[in-house]
C-alpha atoms as a PDB file:
ATOM      1  CA  MET A   1      -0.004   0.007   0.000  1.00  0.00           C
ATOM      2  CA  ASN A   2       1.164   3.525  -0.743  1.00  0.00           C
ATOM      3  CA  TYR A   3       1.086   5.479   2.514  1.00  0.00           C
ATOM      4  CA  LYS A   4       2.541   8.627   0.966  1.00  0.00           C
ATOM      5  CA  ASN A   5      -0.911   9.797  -0.203  1.00  0.00           C
ATOM      6  CA  ILE A   6      -2.476   9.341   3.207  1.00  0.00           C
ATOM      7  CA  ASP A   7      -2.618  12.305   5.620  1.00  0.00           C
ATOM      8  CA  ILE A   8      -0.518  12.369   8.772  1.00  0.00           C
ATOM      9  CA  GLY A   9      -3.498  11.806  11.041  1.00  0.00           C
ATOM     10  CA  GLU A  10      -4.338   8.559   9.237  1.00  0.00           C
ATOM     11  CA  ARG A  11      -0.683   7.500   9.421  1.00  0.00           C
ATOM     12  CA  ILE A  12      -0.758   8.048  13.207  1.00  0.00           C
ATOM     13  CA  LYS A  13      -3.858   5.856  13.360  1.00  0.00           C
ATOM     14  CA  ILE A  14      -2.191   3.152  11.203  1.00  0.00           C
ATOM     15  CA  ALA A  15       0.869   3.172  13.479  1.00  0.00           C
ATOM     16  CA  ARG A  16      -1.301   2.931  16.599  1.00  0.00           C
ATOM     17  CA  LYS A  17      -3.224  -0.016  15.158  1.00  0.00           C
ATOM     18  CA  GLU A  18       0.070  -1.676  14.106  1.00  0.00           C
ATOM     19  CA  LEU A  19       1.010  -1.509  17.804  1.00  0.00           C
ATOM     20  CA  ASN A  20      -2.416  -3.013  18.782  1.00  0.00           C
ATOM     21  CA  LEU A  21      -3.114  -0.123  21.087  1.00  0.00           C
ATOM     22  CA  THR A  22      -6.424   1.599  21.806  1.00  0.00           C
ATOM     23  CA  GLN A  23      -6.541   5.370  21.636  1.00  0.00           C
ATOM     24  CA  GLU A  24      -6.765   5.369  25.425  1.00  0.00           C
ATOM     25  CA  ILE A  25      -3.590   3.315  25.951  1.00  0.00           C
ATOM     26  CA  PHE A  26      -1.745   5.130  23.155  1.00  0.00           C
ATOM     27  CA  ALA A  27      -2.628   8.503  24.689  1.00  0.00           C
ATOM     28  CA  GLU A  28      -1.600   7.423  28.220  1.00  0.00           C
ATOM     29  CA  GLY A  29       1.836   6.396  26.916  1.00  0.00           C
ATOM     30  CA  LEU A  30       2.245   9.881  25.471  1.00  0.00           C
ATOM     31  CA  MET A  31       0.811  11.564  28.595  1.00  0.00           C
ATOM     32  CA  MET A  32      -2.073  12.906  26.505  1.00  0.00           C
ATOM     33  CA  LYS A  33      -5.835  12.560  26.634  1.00  0.00           C
ATOM     34  CA  ARG A  34      -7.631  10.146  24.366  1.00  0.00           C
ATOM     35  CA  ASN A  35      -9.563  13.057  22.874  1.00  0.00           C
ATOM     36  CA  SER A  36      -6.257  14.565  21.695  1.00  0.00           C
ATOM     37  CA  ILE A  37      -5.439  11.354  19.774  1.00  0.00           C
ATOM     38  CA  THR A  38      -8.942  11.338  18.269  1.00  0.00           C
ATOM     39  CA  GLN A  39      -8.377  14.932  17.098  1.00  0.00           C
ATOM     40  CA  LEU A  40      -5.014  14.028  15.555  1.00  0.00           C
ATOM     41  CA  GLU A  41      -6.327  10.952  13.790  1.00  0.00           C
ATOM     42  CA  ASN A  42      -9.382  12.770  12.458  1.00  0.00           C
ATOM     43  CA  LYS A  43      -7.447  15.805  11.256  1.00  0.00           C
ATOM     44  CA  VAL A  44      -9.181  18.150  13.659  1.00  0.00           C
ATOM     45  CA  ARG A  45      -5.731  19.366  14.595  1.00  0.00           C
ATOM     46  CA  ASN A  46      -2.243  18.815  13.241  1.00  0.00           C
ATOM     47  CA  PRO A  47       0.409  17.139  15.375  1.00  0.00           C
ATOM     48  CA  SER A  48       3.274  19.272  16.580  1.00  0.00           C
ATOM     49  CA  GLU A  49       6.852  18.286  15.778  1.00  0.00           C
ATOM     50  CA  ARG A  50       7.268  17.478  19.500  1.00  0.00           C
ATOM     51  CA  THR A  51       4.254  15.092  19.402  1.00  0.00           C
ATOM     52  CA  LEU A  52       5.597  13.295  16.333  1.00  0.00           C
ATOM     53  CA  LYS A  53       9.017  12.885  17.924  1.00  0.00           C
ATOM     54  CA  LEU A  54       7.372  11.626  21.124  1.00  0.00           C
ATOM     55  CA  ILE A  55       5.305   9.033  19.186  1.00  0.00           C
ATOM     56  CA  ALA A  56       8.451   7.929  17.358  1.00  0.00           C
ATOM     57  CA  SER A  57      10.548   7.551  20.467  1.00  0.00           C
ATOM     58  CA  LYS A  58       7.948   6.135  22.842  1.00  0.00           C
ATOM     59  CA  TYR A  59       6.507   3.563  20.415  1.00  0.00           C
ATOM     60  CA  ASN A  60       9.481   2.972  18.093  1.00  0.00           C
ATOM     61  CA  VAL A  61       7.504   4.336  15.161  1.00  0.00           C
ATOM     62  CA  ASN A  62       9.550   5.265  12.080  1.00  0.00           C
ATOM     63  CA  ILE A  63       9.464   9.071  12.004  1.00  0.00           C
ATOM     64  CA  GLU A  64       9.706   8.971   8.191  1.00  0.00           C
ATOM     65  CA  PHE A  65       6.504   6.938   8.127  1.00  0.00           C
ATOM     66  CA  LEU A  66       4.751   9.571  10.167  1.00  0.00           C
ATOM     67  CA  LEU A  67       6.099  12.482   8.119  1.00  0.00           C
ATOM     68  CA  ASN A  68       6.194  11.021   4.629  1.00  0.00           C
ATOM     69  CA  GLY A  69       4.541   7.600   4.630  1.00  0.00           C
ATOM     70  CA  GLU A  70       7.863   5.793   4.061  1.00  0.00           C
ATOM     71  CA  LEU A  71       7.998   2.196   5.271  1.00  0.00           C
ATOM     72  CA  PRO A  72       8.588   0.465   7.612  1.00  0.00           C
ATOM     73  CA  ILE A  73       5.867   1.678   9.967  1.00  0.00           C
ATOM     74  CA  LEU A  74       7.835   0.524  13.028  1.00  0.00           C
ATOM     75  CA  ASN A  75      11.605   0.559  13.383  1.00  0.00           C
ATOM     76  CA  PRO A  76      13.074  -2.913  13.682  1.00  0.00           C
ATOM     77  CA  LEU A  77      13.991  -3.989  17.215  1.00  0.00           C
ATOM     78  CA  SER A  78      17.215  -5.713  18.201  1.00  0.00           C
ATOM     79  CA  LYS A  79      16.872  -9.082  19.910  1.00  0.00           C
ATOM     80  CA  GLU A  80      17.527  -7.387  23.250  1.00  0.00           C
ATOM     81  CA  GLU A  81      14.892  -4.679  22.644  1.00  0.00           C
ATOM     82  CA  GLU A  82      12.358  -7.277  21.536  1.00  0.00           C
ATOM     83  CA  LEU A  83      13.020  -9.336  24.677  1.00  0.00           C
ATOM     84  CA  ALA A  84      12.789  -6.257  26.887  1.00  0.00           C
ATOM     85  CA  ALA A  85       9.474  -5.254  25.316  1.00  0.00           C
ATOM     86  CA  TRP A  86       8.067  -8.772  25.796  1.00  0.00           C
ATOM     87  CA  MET A  87       9.274  -8.842  29.409  1.00  0.00           C
ATOM     88  CA  GLY A  88       7.617  -5.523  30.007  1.00  0.00           C
ATOM     89  CA  THR A  89       4.272  -6.920  28.972  1.00  0.00           C
ATOM     90  CA  ILE A  90       4.658  -9.957  31.237  1.00  0.00           C
ATOM     91  CA  ILE A  91       5.724  -8.185  34.421  1.00  0.00           C
ATOM     92  CA  LYS A  92       2.708  -5.850  34.557  1.00  0.00           C
ATOM     93  CA  PRO A  93       0.763  -6.232  37.805  1.00  0.00           C
ATOM     94  CA  ALA A  94      -2.314  -7.139  35.742  1.00  0.00           C
ATOM     95  CA  ASN A  95      -0.542 -10.361  34.861  1.00  0.00           C
ATOM     96  CA  ASP A  96       0.182 -11.404  38.466  1.00  0.00           C
ATOM     97  CA  GLY A  97       0.011 -15.159  38.685  1.00  0.00           C
ATOM     98  CA  ASP A  98       0.248 -15.630  34.903  1.00  0.00           C
ATOM     99  CA  VAL A  99       2.107 -18.816  34.004  1.00  0.00           C
ATOM    100  CA  ARG A 100       4.707 -16.888  32.043  1.00  0.00           C
ATOM    101  CA  GLN A 101       5.387 -14.616  35.023  1.00  0.00           C
ATOM    102  CA  ARG A 102       5.697 -17.607  37.367  1.00  0.00           C
ATOM    103  CA  ILE A 103       8.150 -19.339  35.026  1.00  0.00           C
ATOM    104  CA  ILE A 104      10.283 -16.247  34.616  1.00  0.00           C
ATOM    105  CA  HIS A 105      10.365 -15.785  38.360  1.00  0.00           C
ATOM    106  CA  ILE A 106      11.610 -19.349  38.802  1.00  0.00           C
ATOM    107  CA  LEU A 107      14.220 -18.886  36.043  1.00  0.00           C
ATOM    108  CA  SER A 108      15.476 -15.734  37.712  1.00  0.00           C
ATOM    109  CA  GLN A 109      16.481 -17.775  40.754  1.00  0.00           C
ATOM    110  CA  LEU A 110      18.520 -20.424  38.877  1.00  0.00           C
ATOM    111  CA  GLU A 111      22.220 -20.966  39.489  1.00  0.00           C
ATOM    112  CA  ASP A 112      24.630 -21.015  36.502  1.00  0.00           C
ATOM    113  CA  ASP A 113      24.820 -24.823  36.369  1.00  0.00           C
ATOM    114  CA  GLU A 114      21.035 -25.121  36.369  1.00  0.00           C
ATOM    115  CA  TRP A 115      20.915 -23.024  33.213  1.00  0.00           C
ATOM    116  CA  GLU A 116      22.701 -25.860  31.392  1.00  0.00           C
ATOM    117  CA  VAL A 117      19.762 -28.146  32.189  1.00  0.00           C
ATOM    118  CA  VAL A 118      17.260 -25.532  31.073  1.00  0.00           C
ATOM    119  CA  GLY A 119      19.212 -25.117  27.803  1.00  0.00           C
ATOM    120  CA  LYS A 120      19.002 -28.848  27.112  1.00  0.00           C
ATOM    121  CA  ILE A 121      15.271 -28.894  27.844  1.00  0.00           C
ATOM    122  CA  ALA A 122      14.732 -25.920  25.523  1.00  0.00           C
ATOM    123  CA  GLU A 123      16.655 -27.716  22.746  1.00  0.00           C
ATOM    124  CA  ARG A 124      14.394 -30.776  23.133  1.00  0.00           C
ATOM    125  CA  ILE A 125      11.286 -28.651  23.039  1.00  0.00           C
ATOM    126  CA  ALA A 126      12.549 -26.863  19.910  1.00  0.00           C
ATOM    127  CA  LYS A 127      13.225 -30.198  18.162  1.00  0.00           C
ATOM    128  CA  GLU A 128       9.737 -31.517  19.019  1.00  0.00           C
ATOM    129  CA  TYR A 129       8.176 -28.248  17.872  1.00  0.00           C
ATOM    130  CA  LYS A 130       9.931 -28.494  14.500  1.00  0.00           C
ATOM    131  CA  LYS A 131       8.633 -32.062  13.995  1.00  0.00           C
ATOM    132  CA  ASP A 132       5.039 -30.840  14.024  1.00  0.00           C
END
């Protein structure tokens, strides 16, 4: 799709949806009100340069996508950044008791030699997964 012919408000909306965020959550992350995001997306008002830079830095949105419609929508993450983002979603208080959170807590308490065992188990799981 050619995003260059789409207005900046629509590109903000596309980026927000790419992130799977509601206007409410998106706005909270930017320390704005949901109504402000609605106004931006519906071209009631134009985003400031500061707002665009904030969206880009907070949500890893490609600033060139916002300004000019150039792909990619989101900047690629390194493995470390991807892991950190995933961990951030798991450690939220809303996920207390979640199986992923419990497993990570257990893993955080392992000694170095116990990690060898975990590595072998992970390799077995990966092999079984590839069979299917």
